[in-house]
Each structure stands twice: as C-alpha cells, then as structure tokens.
C-alpha cells in the first residue's frame, strides 16, 4: 500500500514509488495492537457490569455472565477485565460465555 499520493509532484506519477511501515498500514497495525494489549478482544467493565466486543465480536452481560459471539470463527479470544485480570476464552461455533 502506498503511504501517500503526490510524492512525484505534478505529472503522470502521482503516487510515490515507495512506502514505509510507519505510515498508513504500519500505523494502523500498531494502533490495533495497542488496543488489543490494553482491552483484549472483549473488555469487561466490572463496576458498570458492561461488556464490549472489539475487533469483530459482540459481548453482552446477561445474568452475571458475558455472552460472546465472534463473526470470524476464531478458536479463542482474549478477555480483559477492568481490574486487570486477563483470560483466554475458547470459542465454539462462534459463541462463548464466561463469568467475570
């Protein structure tokens, strides 16, 4: 992916001939990695009893459990809780449940 347009100035070569990782695709990948490190694939706010799905999954708090659905059919997801606990939750048939 090209980092930017118009590096060649006016003329027939509007797109520059190179890209560097820190622009565009690299910056997006780095941002996604930081979000996952801090919040996981599912984030559970224990004080508010809310769950948030991140990166293609949904999460809902129901009767003391968190119900997760994953549109990408991954085998497991990282769950991060507001008290700092982290756990891997196995996904079966795109669904899982966990108790915080």
C-alpha atoms as a PDB file:
ATOM      1  CA  UNK A   1       0.000   0.000   0.000  1.00  0.00           C
ATOM      2  CA  UNK A   2       1.372   3.398  -0.877  1.00  0.00           C
ATOM      3  CA  UNK A   3       1.829   5.740   2.039  1.00  0.00           C
ATOM      4  CA  UNK A   4       0.635   8.878   0.312  1.00  0.00           C
ATOM      5  CA  UNK A   5      -0.060  10.462  -3.033  1.00  0.00           C
ATOM      6  CA  UNK A   6       1.745  13.254  -4.906  1.00  0.00           C
ATOM      7  CA  UNK A   7       5.278  12.335  -3.860  1.00  0.00           C
ATOM      8  CA  UNK A   8       6.195  12.544  -7.532  1.00  0.00           C
ATOM      9  CA  UNK A   9       4.757  16.046  -7.875  1.00  0.00           C
ATOM     10  CA  UNK A  10       2.591  17.072 -10.812  1.00  0.00           C
ATOM     11  CA  UNK A  11       2.656  14.773 -13.777  1.00  0.00           C
ATOM     12  CA  UNK A  12       1.856  11.175 -14.644  1.00  0.00           C
ATOM     13  CA  UNK A  13       3.389   9.646 -11.448  1.00  0.00           C
ATOM     14  CA  UNK A  14       1.121  10.982  -8.711  1.00  0.00           C
ATOM     15  CA  UNK A  15       1.816   8.042  -6.376  1.00  0.00           C
ATOM     16  CA  UNK A  16       5.299   7.824  -4.909  1.00  0.00           C
ATOM     17  CA  UNK A  17       7.466   4.779  -5.616  1.00  0.00           C
ATOM     18  CA  UNK A  18       7.830   3.587  -2.017  1.00  0.00           C
ATOM     19  CA  UNK A  19       6.139   3.158   1.305  1.00  0.00           C
ATOM     20  CA  UNK A  20       7.456   2.934   4.851  1.00  0.00           C
ATOM     21  CA  UNK A  21       5.954   0.896   7.652  1.00  0.00           C
ATOM     22  CA  UNK A  22       5.345   3.856   9.953  1.00  0.00           C
ATOM     23  CA  UNK A  23       2.832   5.410   7.555  1.00  0.00           C
ATOM     24  CA  UNK A  24      -0.621   4.068   6.710  1.00  0.00           C
ATOM     25  CA  UNK A  25      -0.702   0.308   7.072  1.00  0.00           C
ATOM     26  CA  UNK A  26       2.024   0.164   9.725  1.00  0.00           C
ATOM     27  CA  UNK A  27       0.409   2.854  11.870  1.00  0.00           C
ATOM     28  CA  UNK A  28      -2.958   1.087  11.648  1.00  0.00           C
ATOM     29  CA  UNK A  29      -1.423  -2.244  12.672  1.00  0.00           C
ATOM     30  CA  UNK A  30       0.398  -0.641  15.599  1.00  0.00           C
ATOM     31  CA  UNK A  31      -2.808   1.057  16.792  1.00  0.00           C
ATOM     32  CA  UNK A  32      -4.748  -2.221  16.609  1.00  0.00           C
ATOM     33  CA  UNK A  33      -2.022  -3.992  18.615  1.00  0.00           C
ATOM     34  CA  UNK A  34      -2.111  -1.311  21.332  1.00  0.00           C
ATOM     35  CA  UNK A  35      -5.903  -1.530  21.630  1.00  0.00           C
ATOM     36  CA  UNK A  36      -5.748  -5.348  21.906  1.00  0.00           C
ATOM     37  CA  UNK A  37      -2.955  -5.198  24.501  1.00  0.00           C
ATOM     38  CA  UNK A  38      -4.974  -2.844  26.702  1.00  0.00           C
ATOM     39  CA  UNK A  39      -8.569  -4.022  26.128  1.00  0.00           C
ATOM     40  CA  UNK A  40      -8.301  -7.516  24.626  1.00  0.00           C
ATOM     41  CA  UNK A  41     -10.880  -8.806  22.150  1.00  0.00           C
ATOM     42  CA  UNK A  42     -13.554  -8.419  24.817  1.00  0.00           C
ATOM     43  CA  UNK A  43     -13.393  -5.828  27.605  1.00  0.00           C
ATOM     44  CA  UNK A  44     -15.481  -6.237  30.763  1.00  0.00           C
ATOM     45  CA  UNK A  45     -16.151  -3.168  32.916  1.00  0.00           C
ATOM     46  CA  UNK A  46     -16.860  -4.805  36.266  1.00  0.00           C
ATOM     47  CA  UNK A  47     -18.108  -1.664  38.062  1.00  0.00           C
ATOM     48  CA  UNK A  48     -20.693  -0.915  35.384  1.00  0.00           C
ATOM     49  CA  UNK A  49     -21.462  -4.579  34.596  1.00  0.00           C
ATOM     50  CA  UNK A  50     -20.926  -3.938  30.894  1.00  0.00           C
ATOM     51  CA  UNK A  51     -19.059  -5.950  28.281  1.00  0.00           C
ATOM     52  CA  UNK A  52     -17.702  -4.644  24.985  1.00  0.00           C
ATOM     53  CA  UNK A  53     -16.722  -6.678  21.959  1.00  0.00           C
ATOM     54  CA  UNK A  54     -13.763  -5.372  19.982  1.00  0.00           C
ATOM     55  CA  UNK A  55     -12.466  -6.412  16.559  1.00  0.00           C
ATOM     56  CA  UNK A  56     -15.336  -8.384  15.099  1.00  0.00           C
ATOM     57  CA  UNK A  57     -17.062  -9.801  18.127  1.00  0.00           C
ATOM     58  CA  UNK A  58     -20.011  -8.790  20.284  1.00  0.00           C
ATOM     59  CA  UNK A  59     -20.326  -9.169  24.037  1.00  0.00           C
ATOM     60  CA  UNK A  60     -23.279  -8.709  26.351  1.00  0.00           C
ATOM     61  CA  UNK A  61     -23.663  -9.013  30.105  1.00  0.00           C
ATOM     62  CA  UNK A  62     -26.554 -11.336  30.955  1.00  0.00           C
ATOM     63  CA  UNK A  63     -27.414 -12.663  34.411  1.00  0.00           C
ATOM     64  CA  UNK A  64     -23.850 -12.405  35.740  1.00  0.00           C
ATOM     65  CA  UNK A  65     -22.257 -13.945  32.650  1.00  0.00           C
ATOM     66  CA  UNK A  66     -20.821 -12.442  29.491  1.00  0.00           C
ATOM     67  CA  UNK A  67     -22.130 -13.907  26.240  1.00  0.00           C
ATOM     68  CA  UNK A  68     -19.732 -13.544  23.312  1.00  0.00           C
ATOM     69  CA  UNK A  69     -20.309 -14.017  19.581  1.00  0.00           C
ATOM     70  CA  UNK A  70     -17.419 -13.907  17.115  1.00  0.00           C
ATOM     71  CA  UNK A  71     -18.066 -13.267  13.436  1.00  0.00           C
ATOM     72  CA  UNK A  72     -14.605 -14.526  12.412  1.00  0.00           C
ATOM     73  CA  UNK A  73     -14.880 -18.024  13.940  1.00  0.00           C
ATOM     74  CA  UNK A  74     -11.609 -17.748  15.878  1.00  0.00           C
ATOM     75  CA  UNK A  75     -10.740 -20.547  18.274  1.00  0.00           C
ATOM     76  CA  UNK A  76     -10.295 -18.274  21.287  1.00  0.00           C
ATOM     77  CA  UNK A  77     -10.475 -14.623  22.334  1.00  0.00           C
ATOM     78  CA  UNK A  78      -8.600 -12.563  24.900  1.00  0.00           C
ATOM     79  CA  UNK A  79     -10.885 -11.174  27.622  1.00  0.00           C
ATOM     80  CA  UNK A  80      -9.584  -8.272  29.726  1.00  0.00           C
ATOM     81  CA  UNK A  81     -11.388  -7.089  32.870  1.00  0.00           C
ATOM     82  CA  UNK A  82     -11.273  -3.633  34.375  1.00  0.00           C
ATOM     83  CA  UNK A  83      -9.491  -4.986  37.469  1.00  0.00           C
ATOM     84  CA  UNK A  84      -6.564  -6.123  35.288  1.00  0.00           C
ATOM     85  CA  UNK A  85      -7.368  -9.821  35.052  1.00  0.00           C
ATOM     86  CA  UNK A  86      -6.898 -11.410  31.642  1.00  0.00           C
ATOM     87  CA  UNK A  87      -8.109 -14.751  30.358  1.00  0.00           C
ATOM     88  CA  UNK A  88      -8.382 -16.648  27.116  1.00  0.00           C
ATOM     89  CA  UNK A  89     -11.896 -17.863  26.331  1.00  0.00           C
ATOM     90  CA  UNK A  90     -12.442 -20.765  23.925  1.00  0.00           C
ATOM     91  CA  UNK A  91     -14.945 -20.124  21.139  1.00  0.00           C
ATOM     92  CA  UNK A  92     -17.134 -22.937  19.805  1.00  0.00           C
ATOM     93  CA  UNK A  93     -19.448 -22.450  16.840  1.00  0.00           C
ATOM     94  CA  UNK A  94     -18.667 -18.713  17.021  1.00  0.00           C
ATOM     95  CA  UNK A  95     -20.063 -18.448  20.575  1.00  0.00           C
ATOM     96  CA  UNK A  96     -18.804 -18.499  24.142  1.00  0.00           C
ATOM     97  CA  UNK A  97     -19.756 -17.433  27.639  1.00  0.00           C
ATOM     98  CA  UNK A  98     -17.643 -16.525  30.641  1.00  0.00           C
ATOM     99  CA  UNK A  99     -18.200 -15.347  34.185  1.00  0.00           C
ATOM    100  CA  UNK A 100     -16.061 -12.427  35.339  1.00  0.00           C
END
